[in-house]
Protein backbone atom coordinates (compact mmCIF):
# COMPACT_ATOMS: atom_id res chain seq x y z
CA UNK A 1 109.97 162.21 159.85
CA UNK A 2 110.55 162.82 156.34
CA UNK A 3 114.32 161.92 156.91
CA UNK A 4 113.26 158.48 158.18
CA UNK A 5 111.04 157.85 155.28
CA UNK A 6 113.66 158.89 152.73
CA UNK A 7 116.31 156.56 154.56
CA UNK A 8 113.70 153.66 154.38
CA UNK A 9 113.17 154.11 150.67
CA UNK A 10 116.78 154.23 149.94
CA UNK A 11 117.39 151.10 151.89
CA UNK A 12 114.64 149.09 150.12
CA UNK A 13 116.06 150.14 146.81
CA UNK A 14 119.52 149.15 147.79
CA UNK A 15 118.15 145.73 148.89
CA UNK A 16 116.41 145.31 145.43
CA UNK A 17 119.81 146.21 143.64
CA UNK A 18 121.75 143.65 145.68
CA UNK A 19 119.20 140.89 145.20
CA UNK A 20 119.16 141.45 141.35
CA UNK A 21 122.82 141.48 141.23
CA UNK A 22 123.10 138.34 143.29
CA UNK A 23 120.42 136.63 141.14
CA UNK A 24 122.30 137.34 138.02
CA UNK A 25 125.50 135.95 139.55
CA UNK A 26 123.78 132.74 140.44
CA UNK A 27 122.14 132.42 136.87
CA UNK A 28 125.59 133.12 135.22
CA UNK A 29 127.28 130.38 137.47
CA UNK A 30 124.53 127.95 136.44
CA UNK A 31 125.29 128.90 132.87
CA UNK A 32 121.78 130.07 132.20
CA UNK A 33 122.97 133.60 131.30
CA UNK A 34 125.90 133.66 129.07
CA UNK A 35 127.46 136.82 127.62
CA UNK A 36 126.16 137.68 124.20
CA UNK A 37 128.22 136.27 121.23
CA UNK A 38 128.03 135.27 117.59
CA UNK A 39 126.53 131.84 116.91
CA UNK A 40 128.97 128.82 116.29
CA UNK A 41 129.36 127.81 112.68
CA UNK A 42 126.54 125.41 111.53
CA UNK A 43 125.50 123.97 108.37
CA UNK A 44 122.22 122.15 107.43
CA UNK A 45 119.87 121.36 104.52
CA UNK A 46 117.06 123.68 104.09
CA UNK A 47 113.25 122.83 103.72
CA UNK A 48 113.65 123.60 100.14
CA UNK A 49 116.40 120.87 99.85
CA UNK A 50 114.25 118.41 101.31
CA UNK A 51 111.39 119.27 99.19
CA UNK A 52 113.45 118.95 95.95
CA UNK A 53 114.88 115.63 97.17
CA UNK A 54 111.40 114.23 97.56
CA UNK A 55 110.04 115.78 94.35
CA UNK A 56 112.70 115.50 91.75
CA UNK A 57 115.54 113.51 93.67
CA UNK A 58 117.89 116.60 93.57
CA UNK A 59 121.06 115.96 95.67
CA UNK A 60 120.96 119.45 97.51
CA UNK A 61 123.69 120.80 99.75
CA UNK A 62 124.16 121.92 103.24
CA UNK A 63 124.28 125.58 103.77
CA UNK A 64 126.48 127.61 106.40
CA UNK A 65 124.49 129.67 108.83
CA UNK A 66 124.51 133.50 108.17
CA UNK A 67 123.18 136.39 110.03
CA UNK A 68 120.12 137.69 108.22
CA UNK A 69 120.83 140.97 106.44
CA UNK A 70 117.23 142.10 106.69
CA UNK A 71 113.87 141.46 108.30
CA UNK A 72 111.66 138.71 107.06
CA UNK A 73 109.71 139.40 103.85
CA UNK A 74 107.13 137.38 101.81
CA UNK A 75 108.15 133.60 101.99
CA UNK A 76 109.32 131.94 98.73
CA UNK A 77 110.48 128.46 100.23
CA UNK A 78 108.11 125.46 100.24
CA UNK A 79 106.35 124.86 103.71
CA UNK A 80 106.38 121.79 105.82
CA UNK A 81 102.82 121.13 104.61
CA UNK A 82 104.24 121.24 100.97
CA UNK A 83 106.83 118.71 101.97
CA UNK A 84 104.36 116.31 103.55
CA UNK A 85 102.07 116.45 100.64
CA UNK A 86 104.77 114.86 98.49
CA UNK A 87 106.26 112.46 101.08
CA UNK A 88 105.78 108.75 100.33
CA UNK A 89 102.83 107.36 102.17
CA UNK A 90 102.75 103.74 103.49
CA UNK A 91 100.43 101.53 101.41
CA UNK A 92 99.79 98.11 102.62
CA UNK A 93 97.08 97.33 100.09
CA UNK A 94 98.73 98.00 96.56
CA UNK A 95 102.37 99.13 97.50
CA UNK A 96 105.06 97.01 96.04
CA UNK A 97 106.73 94.40 98.39
CA UNK A 98 110.26 92.84 98.13
CA UNK A 99 108.65 89.96 96.23
CA UNK A 100 107.29 92.20 93.49
CA UNK A 101 110.70 93.73 92.70
CA UNK A 102 113.69 92.09 91.00
CA UNK A 103 116.45 90.77 93.29
CA UNK A 104 119.01 93.29 94.45
CA UNK A 105 117.08 96.35 93.09
CA UNK A 106 116.29 99.06 95.85
CA UNK A 107 112.95 100.79 96.19
CA UNK A 108 110.86 102.55 98.87
CA UNK A 109 108.10 100.34 99.87
CA UNK A 110 106.84 97.61 102.14
CA UNK A 111 108.64 94.51 103.60
CA UNK A 112 105.73 92.41 103.72
CA UNK A 113 107.40 89.79 106.17
CA UNK A 114 108.54 92.41 108.59
CA UNK A 115 105.96 94.98 107.91
CA UNK A 116 108.54 97.72 107.75
CA UNK A 117 107.90 100.74 105.26
CA UNK A 118 111.11 102.39 103.87
CA UNK A 119 114.08 101.38 101.86
CA UNK A 120 113.89 97.68 100.73
CA UNK A 121 115.89 95.46 98.48
CA UNK A 122 113.93 93.15 95.99
CA UNK A 123 114.01 89.46 96.15
CA UNK A 124 112.05 88.53 92.95
CA UNK A 125 113.28 85.68 90.91
CA UNK A 126 114.58 86.92 87.49
CA UNK A 127 114.66 85.65 84.00
CA UNK A 128 117.46 86.03 81.41
CA UNK A 129 114.73 86.50 78.72
CA UNK A 130 112.79 89.19 80.40
CA UNK A 131 113.78 91.92 78.02
CA UNK A 132 110.05 92.76 77.20
CA UNK A 133 107.57 94.94 78.83
CA UNK A 134 106.71 94.85 82.64
CA UNK A 135 103.26 95.27 83.91
CA UNK A 136 102.56 98.40 85.93
CA UNK A 137 103.09 96.26 89.28
CA UNK A 138 106.29 94.71 88.08
CA UNK A 139 104.89 91.22 88.19
CA UNK A 140 104.26 90.23 84.64
CA UNK A 141 107.01 90.44 81.89
CA UNK A 142 105.76 90.13 78.39
CA UNK A 143 108.67 88.89 76.59
CA UNK A 144 107.75 89.85 73.20
CA UNK A 145 108.04 86.23 71.94
CA UNK A 146 104.76 84.77 72.73
CA UNK A 147 105.69 84.23 76.56
CA UNK A 148 105.04 85.88 79.68
CA UNK A 149 107.14 85.61 82.86
CA UNK A 150 105.80 85.72 86.25
CA UNK A 151 108.55 87.55 88.06
CA UNK A 152 107.47 86.29 91.53
CA UNK A 153 108.32 82.60 90.49
CA UNK A 154 110.42 82.84 87.39
CA UNK A 155 107.82 80.59 85.48
CA UNK A 156 107.18 81.31 81.81
CA UNK A 157 103.56 80.99 80.54
CA UNK A 158 102.17 80.95 77.05
CA UNK A 159 100.76 84.39 76.35
CA UNK A 160 97.80 82.85 74.46
CA UNK A 161 96.06 81.27 77.21
CA UNK A 162 93.28 79.71 74.81
CA UNK A 163 95.80 78.00 72.33
CA UNK A 164 95.69 74.78 74.34
CA UNK A 165 91.85 74.59 73.71
CA UNK A 166 89.78 71.95 75.58
CA UNK A 167 91.06 68.43 76.26
CA UNK A 168 90.46 65.61 78.68
CA UNK A 169 93.03 65.18 81.41
CA UNK A 170 94.13 61.70 80.15
CA UNK A 171 92.00 60.32 77.16
CA UNK A 172 90.84 56.77 77.98
CA UNK A 173 90.56 55.78 74.33
CA UNK A 174 92.68 53.04 73.17
CA UNK A 175 92.33 54.01 69.44
CA UNK A 176 95.99 54.78 68.54
CA UNK A 177 95.38 54.11 64.75
CA UNK A 178 95.80 56.58 61.97
CA UNK A 179 94.42 59.15 61.33
CA UNK A 180 92.86 60.01 64.67
CA UNK A 181 95.35 58.91 67.16
CA UNK A 182 92.71 60.00 69.88
CA UNK A 183 94.72 58.13 72.65
CA UNK A 184 97.13 60.75 72.46
CA UNK A 185 94.64 63.66 72.30
CA UNK A 186 94.67 65.00 75.97
CA UNK A 187 95.86 67.75 78.04
CA UNK A 188 99.31 66.47 78.76
CA UNK A 189 100.03 65.70 75.28
CA UNK A 190 98.55 69.09 74.15
CA UNK A 191 101.00 70.97 76.47
CA UNK A 192 103.90 68.78 75.66
CA UNK A 193 103.93 69.30 71.93
CA UNK A 194 104.16 73.17 72.37
CA UNK A 195 107.50 74.62 71.12
CA UNK A 196 108.78 77.41 69.12
CA UNK A 197 107.08 77.28 65.69
CA UNK A 198 103.89 75.32 67.02
CA UNK A 199 100.82 76.03 64.91
CA UNK A 200 98.88 79.00 66.16
CA UNK A 201 100.97 79.51 69.44
CA UNK A 202 102.76 82.49 68.39
CA UNK A 203 106.04 81.40 69.93
CA UNK A 204 109.39 82.70 69.07
CA UNK A 205 111.29 81.73 72.22
CA UNK A 206 113.55 79.04 70.82
CA UNK A 207 111.78 76.22 73.08
CA UNK A 208 111.75 72.66 71.96
CA UNK A 209 109.59 69.67 72.53
CA UNK A 210 109.48 68.58 75.98
CA UNK A 211 110.19 72.07 77.70
CA UNK A 212 106.49 72.73 78.23
CA UNK A 213 104.11 70.86 80.50
CA UNK A 214 100.65 71.30 82.35
CA UNK A 215 101.16 73.48 85.49
CA UNK A 216 100.71 71.91 89.14
CA UNK A 217 97.69 72.79 91.00
CA UNK A 218 99.91 75.39 93.17
CA UNK A 219 101.35 77.00 89.96
CA UNK A 220 97.95 77.37 88.30
CA UNK A 221 96.40 78.75 91.40
CA UNK A 222 99.22 81.25 91.96
CA UNK A 223 98.23 83.00 88.60
CA UNK A 224 94.82 84.15 90.16
CA UNK A 225 96.39 85.28 93.72
CA UNK A 226 98.95 87.69 95.00
CA UNK A 227 99.96 91.01 93.28
CA UNK A 228 98.29 91.56 89.87
CA UNK A 229 96.27 88.62 89.94
CA UNK A 230 95.01 87.08 86.46
CA UNK A 231 91.36 86.46 85.71
CA UNK A 232 89.19 86.35 82.52
CA UNK A 233 88.16 89.82 83.52
CA UNK A 234 91.64 91.17 83.89
CA UNK A 235 94.08 89.12 81.69
CA UNK A 236 97.10 91.43 82.63
CA UNK A 237 99.73 90.69 80.02
CA UNK A 238 97.92 87.57 78.47
CA UNK A 239 95.32 87.04 75.83
CA UNK A 240 92.38 84.55 75.43
CA UNK A 241 91.99 83.92 79.32
CA UNK A 242 88.68 81.97 79.34
CA UNK A 243 86.15 82.30 82.29
CA UNK A 244 85.94 78.52 82.77
CA UNK A 245 88.16 75.85 84.27
CA UNK A 246 91.81 75.01 83.43
CA UNK A 247 93.58 71.71 84.11
CA UNK A 248 96.40 71.42 86.53
CA UNK A 249 98.69 68.16 86.67
CA UNK A 250 97.77 67.46 90.32
CA UNK A 251 95.47 64.33 90.69
CA UNK A 252 93.06 64.55 93.49
CA UNK A 253 94.52 62.09 96.29
CA UNK A 254 91.12 61.37 97.62
CA UNK A 255 89.57 60.28 94.23
CA UNK A 256 92.28 59.43 91.59
CA UNK A 257 89.85 59.40 88.87
CA UNK A 258 89.68 63.32 89.25
CA UNK A 259 92.26 66.05 88.96
CA UNK A 260 92.28 69.58 90.29
CA UNK A 261 91.31 72.59 88.29
CA UNK A 262 91.14 76.37 88.64
CA UNK A 263 88.34 78.47 87.31
CA UNK A 264 89.75 81.73 85.86
CA UNK A 265 86.71 83.64 86.28
CA UNK A 266 87.46 84.01 90.11
CA UNK A 267 90.21 81.50 91.12
CA UNK A 268 87.68 78.82 92.32
CA UNK A 269 89.43 75.50 92.89
CA UNK A 270 87.58 72.24 92.03
CA UNK A 271 88.27 68.59 91.42
CA UNK A 272 86.88 67.29 88.16
CA UNK A 273 86.85 63.96 86.52
CA UNK A 274 89.74 63.28 84.22
CA UNK A 275 87.51 62.41 81.29
CA UNK A 276 86.06 65.98 81.23
CA UNK A 277 87.35 68.27 78.36
CA UNK A 278 88.82 71.57 79.94
CA UNK A 279 91.25 74.18 78.80
CA UNK A 280 95.04 73.59 78.72
CA UNK A 281 97.36 76.40 79.79
CA UNK A 282 101.07 75.42 79.27
CA UNK A 283 104.09 76.43 81.30
CA UNK A 284 107.72 75.95 81.47
CA UNK A 285 110.58 76.77 83.62
CA UNK A 286 112.54 80.13 83.10
CA UNK A 287 115.78 80.26 81.14
């Protein structure tokens, strides 16, 4: 009886050994179990390389894999959380767009048209005379000569927004006699007489008579919209911005005795009779 039991146990053990051996052969055939060997040569950037690239722009270099010579100790490398904390974050509200950056200049930001966040190339108009100080958002360039360039349009504005003072759009007076010449004392004339050396304008831009003019409604309205909008409460690169209305050169098509104006307090657009005396803010094309 004992012999039978012993034979039965031996038989069961033999069956297990055969099954294990057969299973191993199957796994090896399938490529699941490979003989132990050294890893192939690999190279890659480390987390520290990525962190330094984001943090300081360091180039970094790929490292070749090497077997560790000791067990892990106290970590000294930046973690994934550290890397995420300095990674660029999408900003649809105040992030720079292609229109905010000079043409052909690259930056990491938002393509407003496509809605893509990443490497972009600027499309903003540039001005040869923009050698002054750019505003924080890059839209306004104070040229240091009494002018400010809107980098989104290339238009050049008089830095002193109160120089033009208050004039009627077109003066209906017919008195052109000396010494008043009131028939010429209007917004168009005031903008047109501006040039380098004009009294009180603070200009040193080499502009001549005829360079400056009244802005169109769209040009004037654009001052108060878009990136870094101008208002009497936030003058940006300008001075003397009044909280009241400024003339545009655009006539109200529905009532030709009125012209369009923009209130610099809040950007409100309105049509006003041309005999009203409102502020004049001259503009000229970029050079």
